[in-house]
C-alpha atoms as a PDB file:
ATOM      1  CA  MET A   1       0.212  25.422   8.444  1.00  0.00           C
ATOM      2  CA  GLN A   2      -0.481  25.669   4.739  1.00  0.00           C
ATOM      3  CA  ASP A   3      -1.732  22.620   2.911  1.00  0.00           C
ATOM      4  CA  PRO A   4       1.289  20.828   1.397  1.00  0.00           C
ATOM      5  CA  LYS A   5       1.696  21.241  -2.356  1.00  0.00           C
ATOM      6  CA  ILE A   6       2.029  17.845  -4.011  1.00  0.00           C
ATOM      7  CA  LEU A   7       2.754  17.077  -7.659  1.00  0.00           C
ATOM      8  CA  VAL A   8       1.351  13.797  -9.017  1.00  0.00           C
ATOM      9  CA  PHE A   9       2.046  12.086 -12.324  1.00  0.00           C
ATOM     10  CA  ALA A  10       2.324   8.627 -13.856  1.00  0.00           C
ATOM     11  CA  GLY A  11       5.298   7.248 -15.747  1.00  0.00           C
ATOM     12  CA  SER A  12       2.965   5.940 -18.433  1.00  0.00           C
ATOM     13  CA  ILE A  13       0.711   7.651 -20.975  1.00  0.00           C
ATOM     14  CA  ARG A  14      -0.706   4.440 -22.422  1.00  0.00           C
ATOM     15  CA  THR A  15      -4.487   4.341 -22.911  1.00  0.00           C
ATOM     16  CA  GLY A  16      -6.042   2.542 -19.948  1.00  0.00           C
ATOM     17  CA  SER A  17      -2.778   2.652 -17.983  1.00  0.00           C
ATOM     18  CA  HIS A  18      -3.042   1.120 -14.517  1.00  0.00           C
ATOM     19  CA  ASN A  19      -0.507   3.648 -13.237  1.00  0.00           C
ATOM     20  CA  ALA A  20      -2.453   6.584 -14.657  1.00  0.00           C
ATOM     21  CA  ARG A  21      -5.438   5.270 -12.699  1.00  0.00           C
ATOM     22  CA  LEU A  22      -3.222   4.947  -9.626  1.00  0.00           C
ATOM     23  CA  ALA A  23      -2.127   8.577 -10.057  1.00  0.00           C
ATOM     24  CA  ALA A  24      -5.792   9.617 -10.270  1.00  0.00           C
ATOM     25  CA  LEU A  25      -6.598   7.669  -7.102  1.00  0.00           C
ATOM     26  CA  ALA A  26      -3.597   9.154  -5.297  1.00  0.00           C
ATOM     27  CA  THR A  27      -4.756  12.627  -6.300  1.00  0.00           C
ATOM     28  CA  LYS A  28      -8.209  11.982  -4.851  1.00  0.00           C
ATOM     29  CA  VAL A  29      -6.898  10.526  -1.592  1.00  0.00           C
ATOM     30  CA  LEU A  30      -4.245  13.217  -1.089  1.00  0.00           C
ATOM     31  CA  THR A  31      -6.835  15.928  -1.744  1.00  0.00           C
ATOM     32  CA  LEU A  32      -9.185  14.279   0.743  1.00  0.00           C
ATOM     33  CA  GLU A  33      -6.403  14.369   3.325  1.00  0.00           C
ATOM     34  CA  GLY A  34      -5.902  18.112   2.819  1.00  0.00           C
ATOM     35  CA  GLY A  35      -3.164  18.240   0.223  1.00  0.00           C
ATOM     36  CA  ASN A  36      -2.945  20.956  -2.445  1.00  0.00           C
ATOM     37  CA  VAL A  37      -2.493  18.542  -5.346  1.00  0.00           C
ATOM     38  CA  THR A  38      -1.500  19.181  -8.955  1.00  0.00           C
ATOM     39  CA  ARG A  39      -1.854  16.214 -11.291  1.00  0.00           C
ATOM     40  CA  ILE A  40      -0.181  16.295 -14.690  1.00  0.00           C
ATOM     41  CA  SER A  41       0.368  13.933 -17.605  1.00  0.00           C
ATOM     42  CA  LEU A  42       3.782  13.455 -19.185  1.00  0.00           C
ATOM     43  CA  GLN A  43       1.924  13.497 -22.489  1.00  0.00           C
ATOM     44  CA  ASP A  44       1.802  17.277 -22.060  1.00  0.00           C
ATOM     45  CA  PHE A  45       5.607  17.412 -21.632  1.00  0.00           C
ATOM     46  CA  PRO A  46       7.018  15.675 -24.729  1.00  0.00           C
ATOM     47  CA  MET A  47      10.810  15.475 -24.878  1.00  0.00           C
ATOM     48  CA  PRO A  48      13.274  13.946 -27.336  1.00  0.00           C
ATOM     49  CA  LEU A  49      15.288  10.918 -26.299  1.00  0.00           C
ATOM     50  CA  TYR A  50      18.125  12.178 -24.105  1.00  0.00           C
ATOM     51  CA  ASP A  51      21.225  12.930 -26.185  1.00  0.00           C
ATOM     52  CA  GLY A  52      24.326  14.621 -24.805  1.00  0.00           C
ATOM     53  CA  ASP A  53      25.101  16.166 -28.196  1.00  0.00           C
ATOM     54  CA  VAL A  54      21.612  17.692 -28.371  1.00  0.00           C
ATOM     55  CA  GLU A  55      22.039  19.051 -24.846  1.00  0.00           C
ATOM     56  CA  ALA A  56      25.453  20.535 -25.664  1.00  0.00           C
ATOM     57  CA  LYS A  57      24.071  22.253 -28.754  1.00  0.00           C
ATOM     58  CA  SER A  58      20.621  23.413 -27.608  1.00  0.00           C
ATOM     59  CA  GLY A  59      20.430  22.822 -23.868  1.00  0.00           C
ATOM     60  CA  PRO A  60      17.590  20.930 -22.139  1.00  0.00           C
ATOM     61  CA  PRO A  61      14.239  21.025 -23.977  1.00  0.00           C
ATOM     62  CA  GLU A  62      11.646  23.595 -22.951  1.00  0.00           C
ATOM     63  CA  HIS A  63       9.361  21.010 -21.370  1.00  0.00           C
ATOM     64  CA  ALA A  64      12.180  19.662 -19.177  1.00  0.00           C
ATOM     65  CA  VAL A  65      12.740  23.169 -17.838  1.00  0.00           C
ATOM     66  CA  LYS A  66       8.988  23.666 -17.229  1.00  0.00           C
ATOM     67  CA  LEU A  67       8.645  20.348 -15.423  1.00  0.00           C
ATOM     68  CA  LYS A  68      11.747  20.979 -13.329  1.00  0.00           C
ATOM     69  CA  ARG A  69      10.363  24.370 -12.238  1.00  0.00           C
ATOM     70  CA  MET A  70       7.005  22.783 -11.452  1.00  0.00           C
ATOM     71  CA  MET A  71       8.661  20.140  -9.270  1.00  0.00           C
ATOM     72  CA  MET A  72      10.522  22.857  -7.361  1.00  0.00           C
ATOM     73  CA  GLN A  73       7.214  24.591  -6.611  1.00  0.00           C
ATOM     74  CA  HIS A  74       5.960  21.518  -4.740  1.00  0.00           C
ATOM     75  CA  ALA A  75       6.969  20.109  -1.365  1.00  0.00           C
ATOM     76  CA  GLY A  76       6.239  16.545  -2.429  1.00  0.00           C
ATOM     77  CA  VAL A  77       6.113  14.509  -5.635  1.00  0.00           C
ATOM     78  CA  PHE A  78       4.179  11.256  -6.105  1.00  0.00           C
ATOM     79  CA  ILE A  79       5.170   9.166  -9.132  1.00  0.00           C
ATOM     80  CA  ALA A  80       3.135   6.148 -10.238  1.00  0.00           C
ATOM     81  CA  SER A  81       5.951   4.184 -11.834  1.00  0.00           C
ATOM     82  CA  ALA A  82       5.047   1.742 -14.556  1.00  0.00           C
ATOM     83  CA  GLU A  83       7.102  -1.467 -14.654  1.00  0.00           C
ATOM     84  CA  TYR A  84       8.817  -2.358 -17.916  1.00  0.00           C
ATOM     85  CA  ASN A  85      11.159  -5.340 -18.258  1.00  0.00           C
ATOM     86  CA  ALA A  86      11.743  -5.410 -14.488  1.00  0.00           C
ATOM     87  CA  SER A  87      12.658  -1.723 -14.381  1.00  0.00           C
ATOM     88  CA  LEU A  88      11.041   1.677 -14.778  1.00  0.00           C
ATOM     89  CA  ALA A  89       9.399   2.638 -18.072  1.00  0.00           C
ATOM     90  CA  PRO A  90      11.583   4.359 -20.707  1.00  0.00           C
ATOM     91  CA  LEU A  91       9.307   7.420 -20.736  1.00  0.00           C
ATOM     92  CA  LEU A  92       9.853   8.021 -17.027  1.00  0.00           C
ATOM     93  CA  LYS A  93      13.579   7.323 -17.253  1.00  0.00           C
ATOM     94  CA  ASN A  94      13.955   9.799 -20.123  1.00  0.00           C
ATOM     95  CA  THR A  95      11.944  12.440 -18.241  1.00  0.00           C
ATOM     96  CA  ILE A  96      14.098  12.083 -15.116  1.00  0.00           C
ATOM     97  CA  ASP A  97      17.273  12.167 -17.218  1.00  0.00           C
ATOM     98  CA  TRP A  98      16.320  15.472 -18.813  1.00  0.00           C
ATOM     99  CA  ILE A  99      15.107  17.094 -15.574  1.00  0.00           C
ATOM    100  CA  SER A 100      18.369  16.128 -13.879  1.00  0.00           C
ATOM    101  CA  ARG A 101      20.254  18.108 -16.545  1.00  0.00           C
ATOM    102  CA  VAL A 102      18.387  21.380 -15.960  1.00  0.00           C
ATOM    103  CA  ARG A 103      20.412  23.882 -13.943  1.00  0.00           C
ATOM    104  CA  GLU A 104      19.414  27.552 -13.844  1.00  0.00           C
ATOM    105  CA  GLY A 105      21.488  30.416 -12.509  1.00  0.00           C
ATOM    106  CA  THR A 106      23.463  29.626  -9.383  1.00  0.00           C
ATOM    107  CA  GLU A 107      21.244  26.780  -8.171  1.00  0.00           C
ATOM    108  CA  PRO A 108      22.978  23.482  -7.287  1.00  0.00           C
ATOM    109  CA  ALA A 109      22.944  20.450  -9.539  1.00  0.00           C
ATOM    110  CA  LEU A 110      19.852  18.253  -9.307  1.00  0.00           C
ATOM    111  CA  ALA A 111      17.948  21.116  -7.700  1.00  0.00           C
ATOM    112  CA  ALA A 112      14.541  19.601  -8.474  1.00  0.00           C
ATOM    113  CA  PHE A 113      15.409  16.511  -6.413  1.00  0.00           C
ATOM    114  CA  ARG A 114      16.614  18.358  -3.317  1.00  0.00           C
ATOM    115  CA  ASN A 115      14.667  19.275  -0.170  1.00  0.00           C
ATOM    116  CA  ARG A 116      11.377  17.660  -1.122  1.00  0.00           C
ATOM    117  CA  ILE A 117       9.712  14.344  -0.436  1.00  0.00           C
ATOM    118  CA  PHE A 118       9.315  11.795  -3.228  1.00  0.00           C
ATOM    119  CA  ALA A 119       6.884   8.867  -3.009  1.00  0.00           C
ATOM    120  CA  LEU A 120       6.754   6.018  -5.506  1.00  0.00           C
ATOM    121  CA  GLY A 121       3.794   3.783  -6.268  1.00  0.00           C
ATOM    122  CA  ALA A 122       3.208   1.115  -8.873  1.00  0.00           C
ATOM    123  CA  ALA A 123       0.287  -0.869 -10.264  1.00  0.00           C
ATOM    124  CA  SER A 124       0.364  -3.814 -12.631  1.00  0.00           C
ATOM    125  CA  PRO A 125      -1.898  -6.761 -13.481  1.00  0.00           C
ATOM    126  CA  GLY A 126       1.166  -8.997 -13.662  1.00  0.00           C
ATOM    127  CA  ARG A 127       2.221 -11.664 -11.184  1.00  0.00           C
ATOM    128  CA  SER A 128       4.310  -9.434  -8.961  1.00  0.00           C
ATOM    129  CA  GLY A 129       2.940  -6.110 -10.114  1.00  0.00           C
ATOM    130  CA  GLY A 130       5.124  -3.041  -9.996  1.00  0.00           C
ATOM    131  CA  MET A 131       7.322  -4.762  -7.414  1.00  0.00           C
ATOM    132  CA  GLN A 132       9.226  -6.285 -10.299  1.00  0.00           C
ATOM    133  CA  SER A 133      10.890  -2.922 -10.678  1.00  0.00           C
ATOM    134  CA  LEU A 134      14.454  -3.456  -9.541  1.00  0.00           C
ATOM    135  CA  ILE A 135      14.642  -0.059  -7.846  1.00  0.00           C
ATOM    136  CA  ALA A 136      11.450  -0.569  -5.812  1.00  0.00           C
ATOM    137  CA  LEU A 137      12.418  -4.102  -4.848  1.00  0.00           C
ATOM    138  CA  ARG A 138      15.859  -3.003  -3.695  1.00  0.00           C
ATOM    139  CA  GLN A 139      14.260  -0.285  -1.583  1.00  0.00           C
ATOM    140  CA  VAL A 140      12.026  -2.829   0.134  1.00  0.00           C
ATOM    141  CA  LEU A 141      14.922  -5.160   0.834  1.00  0.00           C
ATOM    142  CA  ALA A 142      17.074  -2.261   2.012  1.00  0.00           C
ATOM    143  CA  GLY A 143      14.273  -1.198   4.365  1.00  0.00           C
ATOM    144  CA  ILE A 144      14.105  -4.663   5.898  1.00  0.00           C
ATOM    145  CA  ASP A 145      17.865  -4.710   6.306  1.00  0.00           C
ATOM    146  CA  ALA A 146      17.801  -1.235   7.876  1.00  0.00           C
ATOM    147  CA  ALA A 147      15.150  -2.340  10.389  1.00  0.00           C
ATOM    148  CA  LEU A 148      17.265  -5.305  11.400  1.00  0.00           C
ATOM    149  CA  SER A 149      20.437  -3.218  11.563  1.00  0.00           C
ATOM    150  CA  ALA A 150      18.658  -0.723  13.829  1.00  0.00           C
ATOM    151  CA  GLY A 151      18.034  -3.479  16.340  1.00  0.00           C
ATOM    152  CA  PHE A 152      14.406  -4.454  15.651  1.00  0.00           C
ATOM    153  CA  ARG A 153      14.103  -8.113  16.585  1.00  0.00           C
ATOM    154  CA  ALA A 154      10.347  -8.616  16.329  1.00  0.00           C
ATOM    155  CA  LEU A 155      10.168  -8.043  12.595  1.00  0.00           C
ATOM    156  CA  LYS A 156       7.092  -9.491  10.870  1.00  0.00           C
ATOM    157  CA  LEU A 157       6.691  -9.872   7.114  1.00  0.00           C
ATOM    158  CA  ASP A 158       3.068 -10.019   5.948  1.00  0.00           C
ATOM    159  CA  SER A 159       2.084 -11.633   2.667  1.00  0.00           C
ATOM    160  CA  VAL A 160      -1.423 -11.875   1.232  1.00  0.00           C
ATOM    161  CA  VAL A 161      -1.737 -15.262  -0.488  1.00  0.00           C
ATOM    162  CA  ILE A 162      -3.894 -15.411  -3.622  1.00  0.00           C
ATOM    163  CA  ARG A 163      -4.592 -18.637  -5.470  1.00  0.00           C
ATOM    164  CA  GLY A 164      -2.954 -18.667  -8.865  1.00  0.00           C
ATOM    165  CA  VAL A 165      -0.832 -15.626  -8.071  1.00  0.00           C
ATOM    166  CA  ASN A 166       1.650 -16.473  -5.307  1.00  0.00           C
ATOM    167  CA  ASP A 167       0.372 -19.653  -3.642  1.00  0.00           C
ATOM    168  CA  ASP A 168       3.423 -21.498  -5.021  1.00  0.00           C
ATOM    169  CA  GLU A 169       5.829 -19.181  -3.144  1.00  0.00           C
ATOM    170  CA  LEU A 170       4.976 -20.077   0.470  1.00  0.00           C
ATOM    171  CA  ILE A 171       8.128 -22.120   1.050  1.00  0.00           C
ATOM    172  CA  ASP A 172      10.358 -19.476  -0.553  1.00  0.00           C
ATOM    173  CA  LEU A 173       8.824 -16.793   1.675  1.00  0.00           C
ATOM    174  CA  LEU A 174       9.288 -18.878   4.824  1.00  0.00           C
ATOM    175  CA  GLU A 175      12.924 -19.537   3.974  1.00  0.00           C
ATOM    176  CA  PHE A 176      13.425 -15.827   3.259  1.00  0.00           C
ATOM    177  CA  GLY A 177      11.954 -14.960   6.658  1.00  0.00           C
ATOM    178  CA  ARG A 178      13.967 -17.661   8.432  1.00  0.00           C
ATOM    179  CA  ASN A 179      17.211 -16.346   6.966  1.00  0.00           C
ATOM    180  CA  LEU A 180      16.353 -12.865   8.241  1.00  0.00           C
ATOM    181  CA  ASP A 181      15.171 -14.139  11.635  1.00  0.00           C
ATOM    182  CA  ALA A 182      11.833 -12.462  10.866  1.00  0.00           C
ATOM    183  CA  GLU A 183       8.375 -13.997  11.303  1.00  0.00           C
ATOM    184  CA  VAL A 184       6.378 -14.463   8.116  1.00  0.00           C
ATOM    185  CA  ARG A 185       2.616 -14.091   8.397  1.00  0.00           C
ATOM    186  CA  PHE A 186       0.441 -15.372   5.595  1.00  0.00           C
ATOM    187  CA  ILE A 187      -2.894 -13.602   5.162  1.00  0.00           C
ATOM    188  CA  GLU A 188      -5.901 -15.102   3.424  1.00  0.00           C
ATOM    189  CA  TYR A 189      -7.180 -12.945   0.574  1.00  0.00           C
ATOM    190  CA  MET A 190      -9.917 -10.830   2.142  1.00  0.00           C
ATOM    191  CA  ASP A 191     -12.969  -9.292   0.481  1.00  0.00           C
ATOM    192  CA  VAL A 192     -12.350  -5.900   2.077  1.00  0.00           C
ATOM    193  CA  GLY A 193     -12.830  -2.494   0.482  1.00  0.00           C
ATOM    194  CA  GLY A 194     -10.559  -2.157  -2.523  1.00  0.00           C
ATOM    195  CA  ALA A 195     -10.416  -5.896  -3.317  1.00  0.00           C
ATOM    196  CA  THR A 196     -12.690  -5.483  -6.325  1.00  0.00           C
ATOM    197  CA  GLN A 197     -11.355  -8.651  -8.014  1.00  0.00           C
ATOM    198  CA  TRP A 198     -12.069 -10.858  -4.998  1.00  0.00           C
ATOM    199  CA  THR A 199     -13.807 -14.206  -5.511  1.00  0.00           C
ATOM    200  CA  ARG A 200     -14.100 -17.298  -3.323  1.00  0.00           C
ATOM    201  CA  GLN A 201     -12.106 -19.229  -5.906  1.00  0.00           C
ATOM    202  CA  ARG A 202      -9.067 -16.945  -5.449  1.00  0.00           C
ATOM    203  CA  VAL A 203      -8.878 -17.543  -1.683  1.00  0.00           C
ATOM    204  CA  PHE A 204      -6.002 -19.836  -0.702  1.00  0.00           C
ATOM    205  CA  SER A 205      -7.245 -20.974   2.684  1.00  0.00           C
ATOM    206  CA  ARG A 206      -5.457 -21.629   5.964  1.00  0.00           C
ATOM    207  CA  ALA A 207      -6.071 -25.347   5.469  1.00  0.00           C
ATOM    208  CA  ALA A 208      -4.557 -25.242   1.979  1.00  0.00           C
ATOM    209  CA  MET A 209      -1.503 -23.358   3.255  1.00  0.00           C
ATOM    210  CA  LEU A 210      -0.854 -25.866   6.036  1.00  0.00           C
ATOM    211  CA  SER A 211      -1.345 -28.794   3.664  1.00  0.00           C
ATOM    212  CA  CYS A 212       1.174 -27.325   1.222  1.00  0.00           C
ATOM    213  CA  LEU A 213       3.729 -26.605   3.939  1.00  0.00           C
ATOM    214  CA  GLU A 214       3.364 -29.975   5.662  1.00  0.00           C
ATOM    215  CA  ALA A 215       3.946 -31.728   2.350  1.00  0.00           C
ATOM    216  CA  HIS A 216       7.354 -30.027   2.263  1.00  0.00           C
ATOM    217  CA  TYR A 217       8.415 -29.726   5.911  1.00  0.00           C
ATOM    218  CA  GLY A 218       6.534 -32.530   7.650  1.00  0.00           C
ATOM    219  CA  SER A 219       4.340 -32.206  10.740  1.00  0.00           C
ATOM    220  CA  ILE A 220       3.618 -28.619  11.809  1.00  0.00           C
ATOM    221  CA  ARG A 221       2.854 -27.836  15.456  1.00  0.00           C
ATOM    222  CA  THR A 222       0.137 -25.360  16.405  1.00  0.00           C
ATOM    223  CA  LEU A 223       1.318 -23.029  19.174  1.00  0.00           C
ATOM    224  CA  LYS A 224      -0.694 -21.856  22.188  1.00  0.00           C
ATOM    225  CA  GLU A 225      -3.897 -19.840  22.010  1.00  0.00           C
ATOM    226  CA  ARG A 226      -3.386 -16.514  20.293  1.00  0.00           C
ATOM    227  CA  GLY A 227      -5.672 -14.414  22.502  1.00  0.00           C
ATOM    228  CA  SER A 228      -6.494 -11.201  20.638  1.00  0.00           C
ATOM    229  CA  ASP A 229      -3.622 -11.615  18.166  1.00  0.00           C
ATOM    230  CA  PRO A 230      -5.049 -11.816  14.621  1.00  0.00           C
ATOM    231  CA  ALA A 231      -2.466 -14.439  13.633  1.00  0.00           C
ATOM    232  CA  GLU A 232      -2.611 -18.090  14.586  1.00  0.00           C
ATOM    233  CA  ARG A 233       1.006 -19.198  15.078  1.00  0.00           C
ATOM    234  CA  PHE A 234       2.730 -22.431  14.062  1.00  0.00           C
ATOM    235  CA  GLU A 235       6.146 -24.052  14.367  1.00  0.00           C
ATOM    236  CA  LEU A 236       7.999 -26.053  11.720  1.00  0.00           C
ATOM    237  CA  PRO A 237      10.024 -29.168  12.649  1.00  0.00           C
ATOM    238  CA  ASN A 238      13.195 -27.042  12.309  1.00  0.00           C
ATOM    239  CA  GLY A 239      11.918 -24.659  15.008  1.00  0.00           C
ATOM    240  CA  TYR A 240      11.002 -21.717  12.756  1.00  0.00           C
ATOM    241  CA  ARG A 241       7.724 -20.045  13.699  1.00  0.00           C
ATOM    242  CA  PHE A 242       5.242 -18.367  11.376  1.00  0.00           C
ATOM    243  CA  GLY A 243       1.668 -17.123  11.459  1.00  0.00           C
ATOM    244  CA  ILE A 244      -1.529 -17.329   9.430  1.00  0.00           C
ATOM    245  CA  ILE A 245      -4.282 -14.720   9.544  1.00  0.00           C
ATOM    246  CA  ALA A 246      -7.367 -16.602   8.365  1.00  0.00           C
ATOM    247  CA  SER A 247     -10.185 -14.125   8.851  1.00  0.00           C
ATOM    248  CA  THR A 248     -11.780 -15.071   5.522  1.00  0.00           C
ATOM    249  CA  THR A 249     -12.390 -18.772   6.265  1.00  0.00           C
ATOM    250  CA  THR A 250     -11.933 -18.808  10.057  1.00  0.00           C
ATOM    251  CA  PRO A 251     -13.076 -15.461  11.487  1.00  0.00           C
ATOM    252  CA  PHE A 252     -12.047 -14.464  15.015  1.00  0.00           C
ATOM    253  CA  CYS A 253     -14.487 -11.583  15.589  1.00  0.00           C
ATOM    254  CA  GLY A 254     -15.239 -12.715  19.144  1.00  0.00           C
ATOM    255  CA  SER A 255     -11.672 -12.108  20.313  1.00  0.00           C
ATOM    256  CA  CYS A 256     -10.833  -9.117  18.111  1.00  0.00           C
ATOM    257  CA  ASP A 257      -9.917  -5.972  20.048  1.00  0.00           C
ATOM    258  CA  ARG A 258      -8.846  -3.867  17.039  1.00  0.00           C
ATOM    259  CA  SER A 259     -10.210  -0.534  15.918  1.00  0.00           C
ATOM    260  CA  ARG A 260      -8.887   1.746  13.176  1.00  0.00           C
ATOM    261  CA  LEU A 261      -8.422   5.499  12.939  1.00  0.00           C
ATOM    262  CA  THR A 262      -8.019   7.085   9.496  1.00  0.00           C
ATOM    263  CA  ALA A 263      -5.741  10.025   8.750  1.00  0.00           C
ATOM    264  CA  ASP A 264      -8.742  12.362   8.603  1.00  0.00           C
ATOM    265  CA  GLY A 265     -10.167  11.300  11.957  1.00  0.00           C
ATOM    266  CA  MET A 266     -12.776   8.618  11.160  1.00  0.00           C
ATOM    267  CA  TRP A 267     -12.799   5.874  13.791  1.00  0.00           C
ATOM    268  CA  PHE A 268     -13.920   2.459  12.529  1.00  0.00           C
ATOM    269  CA  LEU A 269     -14.655  -0.393  14.920  1.00  0.00           C
ATOM    270  CA  CYS A 270     -14.290  -3.109  12.280  1.00  0.00           C
ATOM    271  CA  LEU A 271     -12.269  -3.578   9.100  1.00  0.00           C
ATOM    272  CA  TYR A 272     -15.546  -4.256   7.274  1.00  0.00           C
ATOM    273  CA  ALA A 273     -17.459  -1.337   8.814  1.00  0.00           C
ATOM    274  CA  LYS A 274     -19.145   0.991   6.338  1.00  0.00           C
ATOM    275  CA  SER A 275     -19.524   3.855   8.816  1.00  0.00           C
ATOM    276  CA  GLY A 276     -17.568   5.185  11.765  1.00  0.00           C
ATOM    277  CA  LEU A 277     -17.323   7.899  14.404  1.00  0.00           C
ATOM    278  CA  ASP A 278     -16.062  11.261  13.124  1.00  0.00           C
ATOM    279  CA  LEU A 279     -13.557  12.250  15.817  1.00  0.00           C
ATOM    280  CA  ARG A 280     -12.237  15.136  13.734  1.00  0.00           C
ATOM    281  CA  ARG A 281     -15.665  16.760  13.792  1.00  0.00           C
ATOM    282  CA  LEU A 282     -15.727  16.488  17.585  1.00  0.00           C
ATOM    283  CA  LEU A 283     -12.217  17.932  17.889  1.00  0.00           C
ATOM    284  CA  ARG A 284     -12.903  20.833  15.567  1.00  0.00           C
ATOM    285  CA  GLY A 285     -16.177  21.397  17.386  1.00  0.00           C
ATOM    286  CA  ALA A 286     -14.107  22.136  20.508  1.00  0.00           C
ATOM    287  CA  ALA A 287     -15.226  19.000  22.352  1.00  0.00           C
ATOM    288  CA  SER A 288     -13.594  18.769  25.769  1.00  0.00           C
ATOM    289  CA  ARG A 289     -11.415  15.839  26.811  1.00  0.00           C
ATOM    290  CA  PRO A 290     -14.210  14.331  28.964  1.00  0.00           C
ATOM    291  CA  GLU A 291     -16.627  14.651  26.023  1.00  0.00           C
ATOM    292  CA  LEU A 292     -14.183  12.876  23.698  1.00  0.00           C
ATOM    293  CA  GLU A 293     -13.587  10.134  26.247  1.00  0.00           C
ATOM    294  CA  SER A 294     -17.325   9.706  26.700  1.00  0.00           C
ATOM    295  CA  ALA A 295     -17.976   9.458  22.945  1.00  0.00           C
ATOM    296  CA  ILE A 296     -15.207   6.889  22.487  1.00  0.00           C
ATOM    297  CA  ARG A 297     -16.214   4.865  25.538  1.00  0.00           C
ATOM    298  CA  GLU A 298     -19.879   4.821  24.516  1.00  0.00           C
ATOM    299  CA  ALA A 299     -19.105   3.715  20.950  1.00  0.00           C
ATOM    300  CA  TRP A 300     -16.768   0.950  22.110  1.00  0.00           C
ATOM    301  CA  SER A 301     -19.048  -0.308  24.905  1.00  0.00           C
ATOM    302  CA  VAL A 302     -21.893  -1.060  22.475  1.00  0.00           C
ATOM    303  CA  ARG A 303     -19.612  -2.472  19.763  1.00  0.00           C
ATOM    304  CA  ALA A 304     -21.229  -5.499  18.166  1.00  0.00           C
ATOM    305  CA  ASP A 305     -19.341  -5.666  14.863  1.00  0.00           C
ATOM    306  CA  ARG A 306     -18.947  -9.153  13.380  1.00  0.00           C
ATOM    307  CA  GLY A 307     -17.955  -8.180   9.848  1.00  0.00           C
ATOM    308  CA  ALA A 308     -15.897 -11.245   8.934  1.00  0.00           C
ATOM    309  CA  GLU A 309     -18.426 -13.659  10.433  1.00  0.00           C
ATOM    310  CA  GLU A 310     -21.278 -11.963   8.604  1.00  0.00           C
ATOM    311  CA  ARG A 311     -19.356 -12.119   5.323  1.00  0.00           C
ATOM    312  CA  LEU A 312     -18.640 -15.824   5.851  1.00  0.00           C
ATOM    313  CA  ALA A 313     -22.357 -16.541   6.295  1.00  0.00           C
ATOM    314  CA  LEU A 314     -23.315 -14.992   2.934  1.00  0.00           C
ATOM    315  CA  GLU A 315     -24.460 -17.442   0.275  1.00  0.00           C
ATOM    316  CA  GLU A 316     -23.608 -15.054  -2.553  1.00  0.00           C
ATOM    317  CA  ARG A 317     -20.324 -13.486  -1.555  1.00  0.00           C
ATOM    318  CA  GLY A 318     -18.420 -10.965  -3.645  1.00  0.00           C
ATOM    319  CA  PRO A 319     -16.332  -7.822  -3.116  1.00  0.00           C
ATOM    320  CA  LEU A 320     -17.379  -5.650  -0.180  1.00  0.00           C
ATOM    321  CA  ALA A 321     -17.689  -2.559  -2.379  1.00  0.00           C
ATOM    322  CA  SER A 322     -17.788  -1.904  -6.091  1.00  0.00           C
ATOM    323  CA  ALA A 323     -15.310   0.369  -7.845  1.00  0.00           C
ATOM    324  CA  ALA A 324     -18.063   2.982  -8.164  1.00  0.00           C
ATOM    325  CA  ALA A 325     -18.787   2.825  -4.419  1.00  0.00           C
ATOM    326  CA  LEU A 326     -15.090   3.218  -3.644  1.00  0.00           C
ATOM    327  CA  ARG A 327     -14.873   6.310  -5.837  1.00  0.00           C
ATOM    328  CA  GLU A 328     -17.909   7.726  -4.043  1.00  0.00           C
ATOM    329  CA  ASN A 329     -16.587   6.939  -0.557  1.00  0.00           C
ATOM    330  CA  PRO A 330     -12.790   6.474  -0.286  1.00  0.00           C
ATOM    331  CA  HIS A 331     -13.176   5.559   3.387  1.00  0.00           C
ATOM    332  CA  LEU A 332     -14.323   2.129   2.216  1.00  0.00           C
ATOM    333  CA  GLU A 333     -10.810   1.483   0.909  1.00  0.00           C
ATOM    334  CA  MET A 334      -8.858  -0.759   3.269  1.00  0.00           C
ATOM    335  CA  HIS A 335      -5.682   1.297   2.813  1.00  0.00           C
ATOM    336  CA  THR A 336      -7.367   4.365   4.338  1.00  0.00           C
ATOM    337  CA  ARG A 337      -7.905   2.561   7.625  1.00  0.00           C
ATOM    338  CA  GLY A 338      -4.973   0.131   7.667  1.00  0.00           C
ATOM    339  CA  GLY A 339      -4.892  -3.620   8.225  1.00  0.00           C
END
């Protein structure tokens, strides 16, 4: 199968744009995963503000036609969508408006938006980041509703809690989860790969969460032992149950049975691991099934990872990896190996 052709661009051309940086990161990751990626800047496709009279007189501008044709040459499009006044940026909106008006020959309307996959991302230093975009937020809520409508009854909603960012929203999140009959799980801010702004001061601990919630709800009951589950579970006086994953201040390495496999075949035995077993190399080297089983069994049998405990013991504790280290080795990024 040919490598998928993917077009990447940001909805912002501002100097130092967070979304331009996100588009650059997406390009690097998608290329690493085998994609045939083309990254462009909308600065190279200037267009006038959409005007129906202009369109009727002169047709779509040349750059709208070029960009529409470029989109049709790709199987997927990734857009890093800047947030502006709780919606998408005017530049991106204007670009989409013009592209949607381009129709050549006998092709159907909106041809550039048919039969290809679109992915949206957003980055912002603000309180809720790009999630303030109404379109993105509605998609998230619609996805939750679709999961419930499809019959999923063990729905869990994870939320990383950061001091000074969303630590005042715990009660709202619990009530949101209770109304959906979904279990909310609060996660302490972890100093994993990619958390380059992590500091001890920004961690809102398990103890702080419980103190805040008990001040509102009253006594909170701790449920039975969690076993290998990463979340410790609790019950409010009204019967609603929620979880807290407190690996930053209360590591549970001794009972952890998780490992993580990246999209390109690297097997990591710990979320904090800086190296792993390259299963893709073994597969492409024609390793037999017994050889693969042996390699996996041997690696797991000698597993001694205690990443969270080791991080807790550090006197001088900062981010796991610098931005430069992450650019050098994307496998250090938490999102490449999952939570």
